[in-house]
Amino acid sequence: MKFEYKIVIMGILFSCLCILLFTYGTTLGQKTMYVYQVGIYKEEKNKEDKLDELSKQGIKGYCYQKENQYYVLSMISENRQEIDTHASQVKGILKTYKVSKDTTVDILLQNLAKGVTHD
C-alpha cells in the first residue's frame, strides 16, 4: 500500500477517534439532575407560604434566592421517572441541568443562586 494512502487512512481514523472522544468523553464525568420548580416569589412571606403548603402535602421543598426573587422547588432528583410521577401530582415546571458527578443537592442550589447552571 502506498504511503499516501496509509496517511489518509490514519487521518480518517484519528478524526473519528477525536469525534467520539469529544462527543462522549466529556459526558463521562457528568450526570443529569432534574428540578421541579413550583414558584417564583418576590416576597419572603409568599415563599414561606408555598413551602408550608408543600410540607402539608408531605413534600420536602427547596428554595434558593437569586436577584431578589425566591425560587421554590418541590423536588430535585437524578431519576426522571420519579420527577415525572411527581409532576402528575404537583403543578410546576421541569428543569434539567447537566452537572458534574460529584454535585449534591446543596451544591446545585448554591450554583442556581449564583446563576451558575448548565442547562
PDB file of N, CA and C in Angstrom:
ATOM      1  N   MET A   1       0.845  -1.161   0.000  1.00  0.00           N
ATOM      2  CA  MET A   1       0.000   0.000   0.000  1.00  0.00           C
ATOM      3  C   MET A   1       0.900   1.237   0.000  1.00  0.00           C
ATOM      4  N   LYS A   2       0.483   2.211  -0.761  1.00  0.00           N
ATOM      5  CA  LYS A   2       1.270   3.441  -0.848  1.00  0.00           C
ATOM      6  C   LYS A   2       1.254   4.198   0.471  1.00  0.00           C
ATOM      7  N   PHE A   3       2.326   4.886   0.735  1.00  0.00           N
ATOM      8  CA  PHE A   3       2.483   5.661   1.955  1.00  0.00           C
ATOM      9  C   PHE A   3       1.385   6.724   2.072  1.00  0.00           C
ATOM     10  N   GLU A   4       1.031   7.354   0.954  1.00  0.00           N
ATOM     11  CA  GLU A   4       0.000   8.390   0.969  1.00  0.00           C
ATOM     12  C   GLU A   4      -1.351   7.838   1.417  1.00  0.00           C
ATOM     13  N   TYR A   5      -1.686   6.639   0.985  1.00  0.00           N
ATOM     14  CA  TYR A   5      -2.946   6.009   1.386  1.00  0.00           C
ATOM     15  C   TYR A   5      -2.945   5.726   2.891  1.00  0.00           C
ATOM     16  N   LYS A   6      -1.818   5.271   3.391  1.00  0.00           N
ATOM     17  CA  LYS A   6      -1.711   4.999   4.828  1.00  0.00           C
ATOM     18  C   LYS A   6      -1.931   6.281   5.630  1.00  0.00           C
ATOM     19  N   ILE A   7      -1.365   7.384   5.164  1.00  0.00           N
ATOM     20  CA  ILE A   7      -1.526   8.667   5.856  1.00  0.00           C
ATOM     21  C   ILE A   7      -2.996   9.095   5.839  1.00  0.00           C
ATOM     22  N   VAL A   8      -3.671   8.959   4.716  1.00  0.00           N
ATOM     23  CA  VAL A   8      -5.083   9.329   4.604  1.00  0.00           C
ATOM     24  C   VAL A   8      -5.931   8.465   5.527  1.00  0.00           C
ATOM     25  N   ILE A   9      -5.701   7.164   5.533  1.00  0.00           N
ATOM     26  CA  ILE A   9      -6.459   6.244   6.389  1.00  0.00           C
ATOM     27  C   ILE A   9      -6.221   6.575   7.862  1.00  0.00           C
ATOM     28  N   MET A  10      -4.976   6.815   8.234  1.00  0.00           N
ATOM     29  CA  MET A  10      -4.661   7.167   9.628  1.00  0.00           C
ATOM     30  C   MET A  10      -5.335   8.504  10.003  1.00  0.00           C
ATOM     31  N   GLY A  11      -5.372   9.447   9.093  1.00  0.00           N
ATOM     32  CA  GLY A  11      -6.028  10.726   9.345  1.00  0.00           C
ATOM     33  C   GLY A  11      -7.518  10.549   9.579  1.00  0.00           C
ATOM     34  N   ILE A  12      -8.151   9.720   8.778  1.00  0.00           N
ATOM     35  CA  ILE A  12      -9.588   9.452   8.932  1.00  0.00           C
ATOM     36  C   ILE A  12      -9.859   8.760  10.260  1.00  0.00           C
ATOM     37  N   LEU A  13      -9.060   7.753  10.609  1.00  0.00           N
ATOM     38  CA  LEU A  13      -9.241   7.051  11.878  1.00  0.00           C
ATOM     39  C   LEU A  13      -9.031   7.985  13.074  1.00  0.00           C
ATOM     40  N   PHE A  14      -8.009   8.829  12.985  1.00  0.00           N
ATOM     41  CA  PHE A  14      -7.741   9.774  14.060  1.00  0.00           C
ATOM     42  C   PHE A  14      -8.895  10.770  14.204  1.00  0.00           C
ATOM     43  N   SER A  15      -9.439  11.227  13.096  1.00  0.00           N
ATOM     44  CA  SER A  15     -10.579  12.152  13.126  1.00  0.00           C
ATOM     45  C   SER A  15     -11.792  11.505  13.782  1.00  0.00           C
ATOM     46  N   CYS A  16     -12.059  10.257  13.429  1.00  0.00           N
ATOM     47  CA  CYS A  16     -13.188   9.541  14.028  1.00  0.00           C
ATOM     48  C   CYS A  16     -12.992   9.372  15.534  1.00  0.00           C
ATOM     49  N   LEU A  17     -11.777   9.042  15.932  1.00  0.00           N
ATOM     50  CA  LEU A  17     -11.475   8.892  17.350  1.00  0.00           C
ATOM     51  C   LEU A  17     -11.683  10.202  18.097  1.00  0.00           C
ATOM     52  N   CYS A  18     -11.238  11.304  17.527  1.00  0.00           N
ATOM     53  CA  CYS A  18     -11.416  12.621  18.159  1.00  0.00           C
ATOM     54  C   CYS A  18     -12.888  12.987  18.275  1.00  0.00           C
ATOM     55  N   ILE A  19     -13.660  12.704  17.255  1.00  0.00           N
ATOM     56  CA  ILE A  19     -15.094  12.998  17.285  1.00  0.00           C
ATOM     57  C   ILE A  19     -15.766  12.209  18.407  1.00  0.00           C
ATOM     58  N   LEU A  20     -15.454  10.925  18.510  1.00  0.00           N
ATOM     59  CA  LEU A  20     -16.037  10.104  19.569  1.00  0.00           C
ATOM     60  C   LEU A  20     -15.604  10.578  20.950  1.00  0.00           C
ATOM     61  N   LEU A  21     -14.343  10.905  21.085  1.00  0.00           N
ATOM     62  CA  LEU A  21     -13.820  11.363  22.372  1.00  0.00           C
ATOM     63  C   LEU A  21     -14.490  12.657  22.811  1.00  0.00           C
ATOM     64  N   PHE A  22     -14.590  13.637  21.920  1.00  0.00           N
ATOM     65  CA  PHE A  22     -15.186  14.915  22.281  1.00  0.00           C
ATOM     66  C   PHE A  22     -16.699  14.831  22.445  1.00  0.00           C
ATOM     67  N   THR A  23     -17.329  13.908  21.741  1.00  0.00           N
ATOM     68  CA  THR A  23     -18.776  13.764  21.848  1.00  0.00           C
ATOM     69  C   THR A  23     -19.182  13.031  23.119  1.00  0.00           C
ATOM     70  N   TYR A  24     -18.540  11.910  23.400  1.00  0.00           N
ATOM     71  CA  TYR A  24     -18.947  11.070  24.520  1.00  0.00           C
ATOM     72  C   TYR A  24     -18.021  11.165  25.726  1.00  0.00           C
ATOM     73  N   GLY A  25     -16.772  11.477  25.511  1.00  0.00           N
ATOM     74  CA  GLY A  25     -15.812  11.544  26.603  1.00  0.00           C
ATOM     75  C   GLY A  25     -16.097  12.644  27.589  1.00  0.00           C
ATOM     76  N   THR A  26     -16.638  13.760  27.128  1.00  0.00           N
ATOM     77  CA  THR A  26     -16.906  14.886  28.027  1.00  0.00           C
ATOM     78  C   THR A  26     -18.104  14.628  28.931  1.00  0.00           C
ATOM     79  N   THR A  27     -18.977  13.697  28.587  1.00  0.00           N
ATOM     80  CA  THR A  27     -20.152  13.419  29.405  1.00  0.00           C
ATOM     81  C   THR A  27     -19.895  12.336  30.448  1.00  0.00           C
ATOM     82  N   LEU A  28     -18.727  11.728  30.444  1.00  0.00           N
ATOM     83  CA  LEU A  28     -18.456  10.661  31.403  1.00  0.00           C
ATOM     84  C   LEU A  28     -18.434  11.176  32.838  1.00  0.00           C
ATOM     85  N   GLY A  29     -18.007  12.388  33.060  1.00  0.00           N
ATOM     86  CA  GLY A  29     -17.943  12.955  34.400  1.00  0.00           C
ATOM     87  C   GLY A  29     -19.165  13.772  34.758  1.00  0.00           C
ATOM     88  N   GLN A  30     -20.259  13.585  34.025  1.00  0.00           N
ATOM     89  CA  GLN A  30     -21.464  14.382  34.263  1.00  0.00           C
ATOM     90  C   GLN A  30     -22.660  13.503  34.604  1.00  0.00           C
ATOM     91  N   LYS A  31     -23.641  14.138  35.205  1.00  0.00           N
ATOM     92  CA  LYS A  31     -24.929  13.494  35.447  1.00  0.00           C
ATOM     93  C   LYS A  31     -26.023  14.530  35.196  1.00  0.00           C
ATOM     94  N   THR A  32     -27.235  14.067  35.075  1.00  0.00           N
ATOM     95  CA  THR A  32     -28.376  14.956  34.867  1.00  0.00           C
ATOM     96  C   THR A  32     -29.163  15.047  36.165  1.00  0.00           C
ATOM     97  N   MET A  33     -29.442  16.272  36.580  1.00  0.00           N
ATOM     98  CA  MET A  33     -30.303  16.486  37.737  1.00  0.00           C
ATOM     99  C   MET A  33     -31.575  17.174  37.258  1.00  0.00           C
ATOM    100  N   TYR A  34     -32.703  16.638  37.704  1.00  0.00           N
ATOM    101  CA  TYR A  34     -33.999  17.175  37.337  1.00  0.00           C
ATOM    102  C   TYR A  34     -34.543  17.977  38.516  1.00  0.00           C
ATOM    103  N   VAL A  35     -35.010  19.182  38.217  1.00  0.00           N
ATOM    104  CA  VAL A  35     -35.514  20.088  39.233  1.00  0.00           C
ATOM    105  C   VAL A  35     -36.945  20.449  38.866  1.00  0.00           C
ATOM    106  N   TYR A  36     -37.845  20.342  39.841  1.00  0.00           N
ATOM    107  CA  TYR A  36     -39.244  20.686  39.594  1.00  0.00           C
ATOM    108  C   TYR A  36     -39.563  21.973  40.345  1.00  0.00           C
ATOM    109  N   GLN A  37     -39.716  23.052  39.598  1.00  0.00           N
ATOM    110  CA  GLN A  37     -39.951  24.387  40.156  1.00  0.00           C
ATOM    111  C   GLN A  37     -41.448  24.655  40.256  1.00  0.00           C
ATOM    112  N   VAL A  38     -41.868  25.096  41.440  1.00  0.00           N
ATOM    113  CA  VAL A  38     -43.301  25.332  41.658  1.00  0.00           C
ATOM    114  C   VAL A  38     -43.646  26.791  41.925  1.00  0.00           C
ATOM    115  N   GLY A  39     -42.647  27.666  41.947  1.00  0.00           N
ATOM    116  CA  GLY A  39     -42.973  29.072  42.138  1.00  0.00           C
ATOM    117  C   GLY A  39     -41.761  29.976  42.182  1.00  0.00           C
ATOM    118  N   ILE A  40     -42.003  31.242  41.835  1.00  0.00           N
ATOM    119  CA  ILE A  40     -41.011  32.314  41.957  1.00  0.00           C
ATOM    120  C   ILE A  40     -41.735  33.457  42.671  1.00  0.00           C
ATOM    121  N   TYR A  41     -41.131  33.919  43.782  1.00  0.00           N
ATOM    122  CA  TYR A  41     -41.786  34.919  44.601  1.00  0.00           C
ATOM    123  C   TYR A  41     -40.844  36.077  44.916  1.00  0.00           C
ATOM    124  N   LYS A  42     -41.420  37.274  44.973  1.00  0.00           N
ATOM    125  CA  LYS A  42     -40.646  38.452  45.380  1.00  0.00           C
ATOM    126  C   LYS A  42     -40.701  38.628  46.893  1.00  0.00           C
ATOM    127  N   GLU A  43     -41.790  38.216  47.495  1.00  0.00           N
ATOM    128  CA  GLU A  43     -41.992  38.382  48.937  1.00  0.00           C
ATOM    129  C   GLU A  43     -41.601  37.099  49.668  1.00  0.00           C
ATOM    130  N   GLU A  44     -40.832  37.269  50.744  1.00  0.00           N
ATOM    131  CA  GLU A  44     -40.401  36.106  51.533  1.00  0.00           C
ATOM    132  C   GLU A  44     -41.600  35.383  52.152  1.00  0.00           C
ATOM    133  N   LYS A  45     -42.630  36.128  52.544  1.00  0.00           N
ATOM    134  CA  LYS A  45     -43.825  35.518  53.140  1.00  0.00           C
ATOM    135  C   LYS A  45     -44.498  34.558  52.161  1.00  0.00           C
ATOM    136  N   ASN A  46     -44.565  34.947  50.886  1.00  0.00           N
ATOM    137  CA  ASN A  46     -45.174  34.082  49.874  1.00  0.00           C
ATOM    138  C   ASN A  46     -44.358  32.802  49.683  1.00  0.00           C
ATOM    139  N   LYS A  47     -43.048  32.943  49.731  1.00  0.00           N
ATOM    140  CA  LYS A  47     -42.165  31.770  49.636  1.00  0.00           C
ATOM    141  C   LYS A  47     -42.424  30.829  50.805  1.00  0.00           C
ATOM    142  N   GLU A  48     -42.495  31.396  52.009  1.00  0.00           N
ATOM    143  CA  GLU A  48     -42.738  30.576  53.201  1.00  0.00           C
ATOM    144  C   GLU A  48     -44.110  29.903  53.134  1.00  0.00           C
ATOM    145  N   ASP A  49     -45.110  30.613  52.645  1.00  0.00           N
ATOM    146  CA  ASP A  49     -46.445  30.030  52.488  1.00  0.00           C
ATOM    147  C   ASP A  49     -46.413  28.828  51.540  1.00  0.00           C
ATOM    148  N   LYS A  50     -45.694  28.967  50.443  1.00  0.00           N
ATOM    149  CA  LYS A  50     -45.608  27.865  49.474  1.00  0.00           C
ATOM    150  C   LYS A  50     -44.861  26.678  50.075  1.00  0.00           C
ATOM    151  N   LEU A  51     -43.773  26.936  50.800  1.00  0.00           N
ATOM    152  CA  LEU A  51     -43.028  25.851  51.444  1.00  0.00           C
ATOM    153  C   LEU A  51     -43.890  25.154  52.496  1.00  0.00           C
ATOM    154  N   ASP A  52     -44.715  25.923  53.229  1.00  0.00           N
ATOM    155  CA  ASP A  52     -45.642  25.333  54.204  1.00  0.00           C
ATOM    156  C   ASP A  52     -46.687  24.465  53.507  1.00  0.00           C
ATOM    157  N   GLU A  53     -47.203  24.965  52.389  1.00  0.00           N
ATOM    158  CA  GLU A  53     -48.187  24.201  51.606  1.00  0.00           C
ATOM    159  C   GLU A  53     -47.596  22.868  51.146  1.00  0.00           C
ATOM    160  N   LEU A  54     -46.359  22.907  50.649  1.00  0.00           N
ATOM    161  CA  LEU A  54     -45.689  21.675  50.225  1.00  0.00           C
ATOM    162  C   LEU A  54     -45.489  20.732  51.404  1.00  0.00           C
ATOM    163  N   SER A  55     -45.090  21.294  52.539  1.00  0.00           N
ATOM    164  CA  SER A  55     -44.861  20.484  53.737  1.00  0.00           C
ATOM    165  C   SER A  55     -46.140  19.769  54.170  1.00  0.00           C
ATOM    166  N   LYS A  56     -47.268  20.457  54.102  1.00  0.00           N
ATOM    167  CA  LYS A  56     -48.557  19.856  54.467  1.00  0.00           C
ATOM    168  C   LYS A  56     -48.928  18.714  53.530  1.00  0.00           C
ATOM    169  N   GLN A  57     -48.414  18.769  52.285  1.00  0.00           N
ATOM    170  CA  GLN A  57     -48.658  17.701  51.318  1.00  0.00           C
ATOM    171  C   GLN A  57     -47.641  16.571  51.463  1.00  0.00           C
ATOM    172  N   GLY A  58     -46.726  16.711  52.426  1.00  0.00           N
ATOM    173  CA  GLY A  58     -45.702  15.687  52.637  1.00  0.00           C
ATOM    174  C   GLY A  58     -44.521  15.813  51.688  1.00  0.00           C
ATOM    175  N   ILE A  59     -44.322  16.988  51.124  1.00  0.00           N
ATOM    176  CA  ILE A  59     -43.250  17.225  50.155  1.00  0.00           C
ATOM    177  C   ILE A  59     -42.195  18.117  50.787  1.00  0.00           C
ATOM    178  N   LYS A  60     -40.957  17.656  50.743  1.00  0.00           N
ATOM    179  CA  LYS A  60     -39.855  18.487  51.240  1.00  0.00           C
ATOM    180  C   LYS A  60     -39.525  19.510  50.164  1.00  0.00           C
ATOM    181  N   GLY A  61     -39.739  20.752  50.466  1.00  0.00           N
ATOM    182  CA  GLY A  61     -39.478  21.810  49.500  1.00  0.00           C
ATOM    183  C   GLY A  61     -38.053  22.326  49.597  1.00  0.00           C
ATOM    184  N   TYR A  62     -37.595  22.930  48.524  1.00  0.00           N
ATOM    185  CA  TYR A  62     -36.271  23.547  48.458  1.00  0.00           C
ATOM    186  C   TYR A  62     -36.461  24.986  47.990  1.00  0.00           C
ATOM    187  N   CYS A  63     -35.502  25.818  48.339  1.00  0.00           N
ATOM    188  CA  CYS A  63     -35.606  27.209  47.951  1.00  0.00           C
ATOM    189  C   CYS A  63     -34.209  27.791  47.757  1.00  0.00           C
ATOM    190  N   TYR A  64     -34.101  28.701  46.814  1.00  0.00           N
ATOM    191  CA  TYR A  64     -32.884  29.493  46.668  1.00  0.00           C
ATOM    192  C   TYR A  64     -33.290  30.892  46.240  1.00  0.00           C
ATOM    193  N   GLN A  65     -32.422  31.846  46.558  1.00  0.00           N
ATOM    194  CA  GLN A  65     -32.706  33.240  46.230  1.00  0.00           C
ATOM    195  C   GLN A  65     -31.719  33.708  45.174  1.00  0.00           C
ATOM    196  N   LYS A  66     -32.254  34.359  44.157  1.00  0.00           N
ATOM    197  CA  LYS A  66     -31.426  34.898  43.072  1.00  0.00           C
ATOM    198  C   LYS A  66     -32.059  36.197  42.604  1.00  0.00           C
ATOM    199  N   GLU A  67     -31.254  37.243  42.559  1.00  0.00           N
ATOM    200  CA  GLU A  67     -31.700  38.548  42.071  1.00  0.00           C
ATOM    201  C   GLU A  67     -33.005  38.999  42.730  1.00  0.00           C
ATOM    202  N   ASN A  68     -33.036  38.967  44.057  1.00  0.00           N
ATOM    203  CA  ASN A  68     -34.176  39.429  44.853  1.00  0.00           C
ATOM    204  C   ASN A  68     -35.471  38.668  44.598  1.00  0.00           C
ATOM    205  N   GLN A  69     -35.337  37.438  44.125  1.00  0.00           N
ATOM    206  CA  GLN A  69     -36.510  36.589  43.951  1.00  0.00           C
ATOM    207  C   GLN A  69     -36.236  35.248  44.612  1.00  0.00           C
ATOM    208  N   TYR A  70     -37.291  34.646  45.146  1.00  0.00           N
ATOM    209  CA  TYR A  70     -37.190  33.341  45.790  1.00  0.00           C
ATOM    210  C   TYR A  70     -37.741  32.281  44.837  1.00  0.00           C
ATOM    211  N   TYR A  71     -36.943  31.286  44.560  1.00  0.00           N
ATOM    212  CA  TYR A  71     -37.347  30.187  43.691  1.00  0.00           C
ATOM    213  C   TYR A  71     -37.669  28.988  44.579  1.00  0.00           C
ATOM    214  N   VAL A  72     -38.880  28.472  44.465  1.00  0.00           N
ATOM    215  CA  VAL A  72     -39.312  27.346  45.284  1.00  0.00           C
ATOM    216  C   VAL A  72     -39.382  26.103  44.402  1.00  0.00           C
ATOM    217  N   LEU A  73     -38.746  25.046  44.896  1.00  0.00           N
ATOM    218  CA  LEU A  73     -38.681  23.777  44.180  1.00  0.00           C
ATOM    219  C   LEU A  73     -39.342  22.700  45.031  1.00  0.00           C
ATOM    220  N   SER A  74     -40.086  21.835  44.404  1.00  0.00           N
ATOM    221  CA  SER A  74     -40.748  20.778  45.163  1.00  0.00           C
ATOM    222  C   SER A  74     -39.987  19.458  45.096  1.00  0.00           C
ATOM    223  N   MET A  75     -39.068  19.321  44.136  1.00  0.00           N
ATOM    224  CA  MET A  75     -38.306  18.084  44.050  1.00  0.00           C
ATOM    225  C   MET A  75     -37.038  18.296  43.252  1.00  0.00           C
ATOM    226  N   ILE A  76     -35.974  17.620  43.691  1.00  0.00           N
ATOM    227  CA  ILE A  76     -34.713  17.563  42.955  1.00  0.00           C
ATOM    228  C   ILE A  76     -34.313  16.106  42.930  1.00  0.00           C
ATOM    229  N   SER A  77     -34.071  15.580  41.743  1.00  0.00           N
ATOM    230  CA  SER A  77     -33.768  14.159  41.631  1.00  0.00           C
ATOM    231  C   SER A  77     -32.922  13.881  40.395  1.00  0.00           C
ATOM    232  N   GLU A  78     -32.218  12.753  40.430  1.00  0.00           N
ATOM    233  CA  GLU A  78     -31.490  12.275  39.257  1.00  0.00           C
ATOM    234  C   GLU A  78     -32.340  11.287  38.463  1.00  0.00           C
ATOM    235  N   ASN A  79     -33.499  10.934  39.010  1.00  0.00           N
ATOM    236  CA  ASN A  79     -34.375   9.940  38.408  1.00  0.00           C
ATOM    237  C   ASN A  79     -35.522  10.628  37.668  1.00  0.00           C
ATOM    238  N   ARG A  80     -35.507  10.539  36.361  1.00  0.00           N
ATOM    239  CA  ARG A  80     -36.525  11.214  35.536  1.00  0.00           C
ATOM    240  C   ARG A  80     -37.919  10.649  35.789  1.00  0.00           C
ATOM    241  N   GLN A  81     -38.023   9.351  35.976  1.00  0.00           N
ATOM    242  CA  GLN A  81     -39.331   8.735  36.200  1.00  0.00           C
ATOM    243  C   GLN A  81     -39.937   9.231  37.523  1.00  0.00           C
ATOM    244  N   GLU A  82     -39.100   9.387  38.534  1.00  0.00           N
ATOM    245  CA  GLU A  82     -39.564   9.902  39.820  1.00  0.00           C
ATOM    246  C   GLU A  82     -40.109  11.328  39.677  1.00  0.00           C
ATOM    247  N   ILE A  83     -39.409  12.142  38.915  1.00  0.00           N
ATOM    248  CA  ILE A  83     -39.854  13.523  38.667  1.00  0.00           C
ATOM    249  C   ILE A  83     -41.157  13.536  37.871  1.00  0.00           C
ATOM    250  N   ASP A  84     -41.268  12.682  36.859  1.00  0.00           N
ATOM    251  CA  ASP A  84     -42.485  12.626  36.056  1.00  0.00           C
ATOM    252  C   ASP A  84     -43.698  12.236  36.905  1.00  0.00           C
ATOM    253  N   THR A  85     -43.506  11.296  37.825  1.00  0.00           N
ATOM    254  CA  THR A  85     -44.588  10.901  38.730  1.00  0.00           C
ATOM    255  C   THR A  85     -44.978  12.073  39.627  1.00  0.00           C
ATOM    256  N   HIS A  86     -43.975  12.754  40.135  1.00  0.00           N
ATOM    257  CA  HIS A  86     -44.211  13.930  40.990  1.00  0.00           C
ATOM    258  C   HIS A  86     -44.956  15.024  40.209  1.00  0.00           C
ATOM    259  N   ALA A  87     -44.585  15.214  38.956  1.00  0.00           N
ATOM    260  CA  ALA A  87     -45.192  16.251  38.117  1.00  0.00           C
ATOM    261  C   ALA A  87     -46.681  16.001  37.896  1.00  0.00           C
ATOM    262  N   SER A  88     -47.097  14.750  37.939  1.00  0.00           N
ATOM    263  CA  SER A  88     -48.521  14.454  37.756  1.00  0.00           C
ATOM    264  C   SER A  88     -49.331  14.834  38.994  1.00  0.00           C
ATOM    265  N   GLN A  89     -48.657  15.089  40.128  1.00  0.00           N
ATOM    266  CA  GLN A  89     -49.338  15.426  41.370  1.00  0.00           C
ATOM    267  C   GLN A  89     -49.249  16.910  41.723  1.00  0.00           C
ATOM    268  N   VAL A  90     -48.206  17.584  41.218  1.00  0.00           N
ATOM    269  CA  VAL A  90     -47.953  18.971  41.581  1.00  0.00           C
ATOM    270  C   VAL A  90     -47.786  19.792  40.309  1.00  0.00           C
ATOM    271  N   LYS A  91     -48.396  20.970  40.290  1.00  0.00           N
ATOM    272  CA  LYS A  91     -48.271  21.853  39.126  1.00  0.00           C
ATOM    273  C   LYS A  91     -46.953  22.624  39.214  1.00  0.00           C
ATOM    274  N   GLY A  92     -46.175  22.600  38.138  1.00  0.00           N
ATOM    275  CA  GLY A  92     -44.903  23.313  38.130  1.00  0.00           C
ATOM    276  C   GLY A  92     -44.194  23.179  36.797  1.00  0.00           C
ATOM    277  N   ILE A  93     -42.898  23.461  36.816  1.00  0.00           N
ATOM    278  CA  ILE A  93     -42.080  23.447  35.604  1.00  0.00           C
ATOM    279  C   ILE A  93     -40.869  22.548  35.843  1.00  0.00           C
ATOM    280  N   LEU A  94     -40.607  21.655  34.907  1.00  0.00           N
ATOM    281  CA  LEU A  94     -39.444  20.774  34.986  1.00  0.00           C
ATOM    282  C   LEU A  94     -38.245  21.455  34.340  1.00  0.00           C
ATOM    283  N   LYS A  95     -37.129  21.450  35.049  1.00  0.00           N
ATOM    284  CA  LYS A  95     -35.883  21.976  34.513  1.00  0.00           C
ATOM    285  C   LYS A  95     -34.829  20.885  34.616  1.00  0.00           C
ATOM    286  N   THR A  96     -33.943  20.850  33.632  1.00  0.00           N
ATOM    287  CA  THR A  96     -32.912  19.830  33.568  1.00  0.00           C
ATOM    288  C   THR A  96     -31.547  20.488  33.567  1.00  0.00           C
ATOM    289  N   TYR A  97     -30.637  19.959  34.388  1.00  0.00           N
ATOM    290  CA  TYR A  97     -29.285  20.514  34.476  1.00  0.00           C
ATOM    291  C   TYR A  97     -28.257  19.398  34.338  1.00  0.00           C
ATOM    292  N   LYS A  98     -27.258  19.640  33.504  1.00  0.00           N
ATOM    293  CA  LYS A  98     -26.097  18.750  33.386  1.00  0.00           C
ATOM    294  C   LYS A  98     -25.048  19.263  34.357  1.00  0.00           C
ATOM    295  N   VAL A  99     -24.665  18.421  35.303  1.00  0.00           N
ATOM    296  CA  VAL A  99     -23.727  18.826  36.340  1.00  0.00           C
ATOM    297  C   VAL A  99     -22.652  17.750  36.488  1.00  0.00           C
ATOM    298  N   SER A 100     -21.584  18.082  37.216  1.00  0.00           N
ATOM    299  CA  SER A 100     -20.537  17.087  37.444  1.00  0.00           C
ATOM    300  C   SER A 100     -21.066  15.999  38.370  1.00  0.00           C
ATOM    301  N   LYS A 101     -20.472  14.824  38.290  1.00  0.00           N
ATOM    302  CA  LYS A 101     -20.945  13.675  39.057  1.00  0.00           C
ATOM    303  C   LYS A 101     -20.929  13.902  40.559  1.00  0.00           C
ATOM    304  N   ASP A 102     -20.048  14.768  41.046  1.00  0.00           N
ATOM    305  CA  ASP A 102     -19.941  14.987  42.490  1.00  0.00           C
ATOM    306  C   ASP A 102     -20.861  16.098  43.006  1.00  0.00           C
ATOM    307  N   THR A 103     -21.745  16.620  42.168  1.00  0.00           N
ATOM    308  CA  THR A 103     -22.669  17.681  42.581  1.00  0.00           C
ATOM    309  C   THR A 103     -23.763  17.108  43.468  1.00  0.00           C
ATOM    310  N   THR A 104     -23.955  17.741  44.619  1.00  0.00           N
ATOM    311  CA  THR A 104     -25.025  17.365  45.538  1.00  0.00           C
ATOM    312  C   THR A 104     -26.184  18.351  45.381  1.00  0.00           C
ATOM    313  N   VAL A 105     -27.276  18.079  46.073  1.00  0.00           N
ATOM    314  CA  VAL A 105     -28.430  18.981  46.035  1.00  0.00           C
ATOM    315  C   VAL A 105     -28.030  20.356  46.567  1.00  0.00           C
ATOM    316  N   ASP A 106     -27.288  20.384  47.657  1.00  0.00           N
ATOM    317  CA  ASP A 106     -26.861  21.667  48.236  1.00  0.00           C
ATOM    318  C   ASP A 106     -25.980  22.454  47.272  1.00  0.00           C
ATOM    319  N   ILE A 107     -25.052  21.775  46.621  1.00  0.00           N
ATOM    320  CA  ILE A 107     -24.174  22.443  45.648  1.00  0.00           C
ATOM    321  C   ILE A 107     -24.990  22.963  44.472  1.00  0.00           C
ATOM    322  N   LEU A 108     -25.945  22.173  44.005  1.00  0.00           N
ATOM    323  CA  LEU A 108     -26.804  22.622  42.900  1.00  0.00           C
ATOM    324  C   LEU A 108     -27.565  23.878  43.297  1.00  0.00           C
ATOM    325  N   LEU A 109     -28.141  23.901  44.502  1.00  0.00           N
ATOM    326  CA  LEU A 109     -28.890  25.075  44.957  1.00  0.00           C
ATOM    327  C   LEU A 109     -27.985  26.299  45.058  1.00  0.00           C
ATOM    328  N   GLN A 110     -26.769  26.105  45.542  1.00  0.00           N
ATOM    329  CA  GLN A 110     -25.814  27.218  45.624  1.00  0.00           C
ATOM    330  C   GLN A 110     -25.481  27.746  44.231  1.00  0.00           C
ATOM    331  N   ASN A 111     -25.268  26.835  43.293  1.00  0.00           N
ATOM    332  CA  ASN A 111     -24.951  27.246  41.924  1.00  0.00           C
ATOM    333  C   ASN A 111     -26.124  27.957  41.263  1.00  0.00           C
ATOM    334  N   LEU A 112     -27.332  27.494  41.505  1.00  0.00           N
ATOM    335  CA  LEU A 112     -28.517  28.134  40.948  1.00  0.00           C
ATOM    336  C   LEU A 112     -28.662  29.551  41.508  1.00  0.00           C
ATOM    337  N   ALA A 113     -28.383  29.703  42.794  1.00  0.00           N
ATOM    338  CA  ALA A 113     -28.476  31.027  43.420  1.00  0.00           C
ATOM    339  C   ALA A 113     -27.439  31.995  42.840  1.00  0.00           C
ATOM    340  N   LYS A 114     -26.296  31.469  42.460  1.00  0.00           N
ATOM    341  CA  LYS A 114     -25.236  32.303  41.859  1.00  0.00           C
ATOM    342  C   LYS A 114     -25.457  32.514  40.373  1.00  0.00           C
ATOM    343  N   GLY A 115     -26.383  31.775  39.794  1.00  0.00           N
ATOM    344  CA  GLY A 115     -26.607  31.881  38.354  1.00  0.00           C
ATOM    345  C   GLY A 115     -25.700  30.969  37.545  1.00  0.00           C
ATOM    346  N   VAL A 116     -25.026  30.037  38.219  1.00  0.00           N
ATOM    347  CA  VAL A 116     -24.119  29.097  37.553  1.00  0.00           C
ATOM    348  C   VAL A 116     -24.918  27.832  37.263  1.00  0.00           C
ATOM    349  N   THR A 117     -25.335  27.684  36.018  1.00  0.00           N
ATOM    350  CA  THR A 117     -26.110  26.496  35.641  1.00  0.00           C
ATOM    351  C   THR A 117     -25.581  25.946  34.328  1.00  0.00           C
ATOM    352  N   HIS A 118     -25.905  24.687  34.141  1.00  0.00           N
ATOM    353  CA  HIS A 118     -25.523  24.011  32.896  1.00  0.00           C
ATOM    354  C   HIS A 118     -26.775  23.369  32.327  1.00  0.00           C
ATOM    355  N   ASP A 119     -27.597  24.181  31.677  1.00  0.00           N
ATOM    356  CA  ASP A 119     -28.867  23.698  31.110  1.00  0.00           C
ATOM    357  C   ASP A 119     -28.616  22.749  29.977  1.00  0.00           C
TER     358      ASP A 119
END
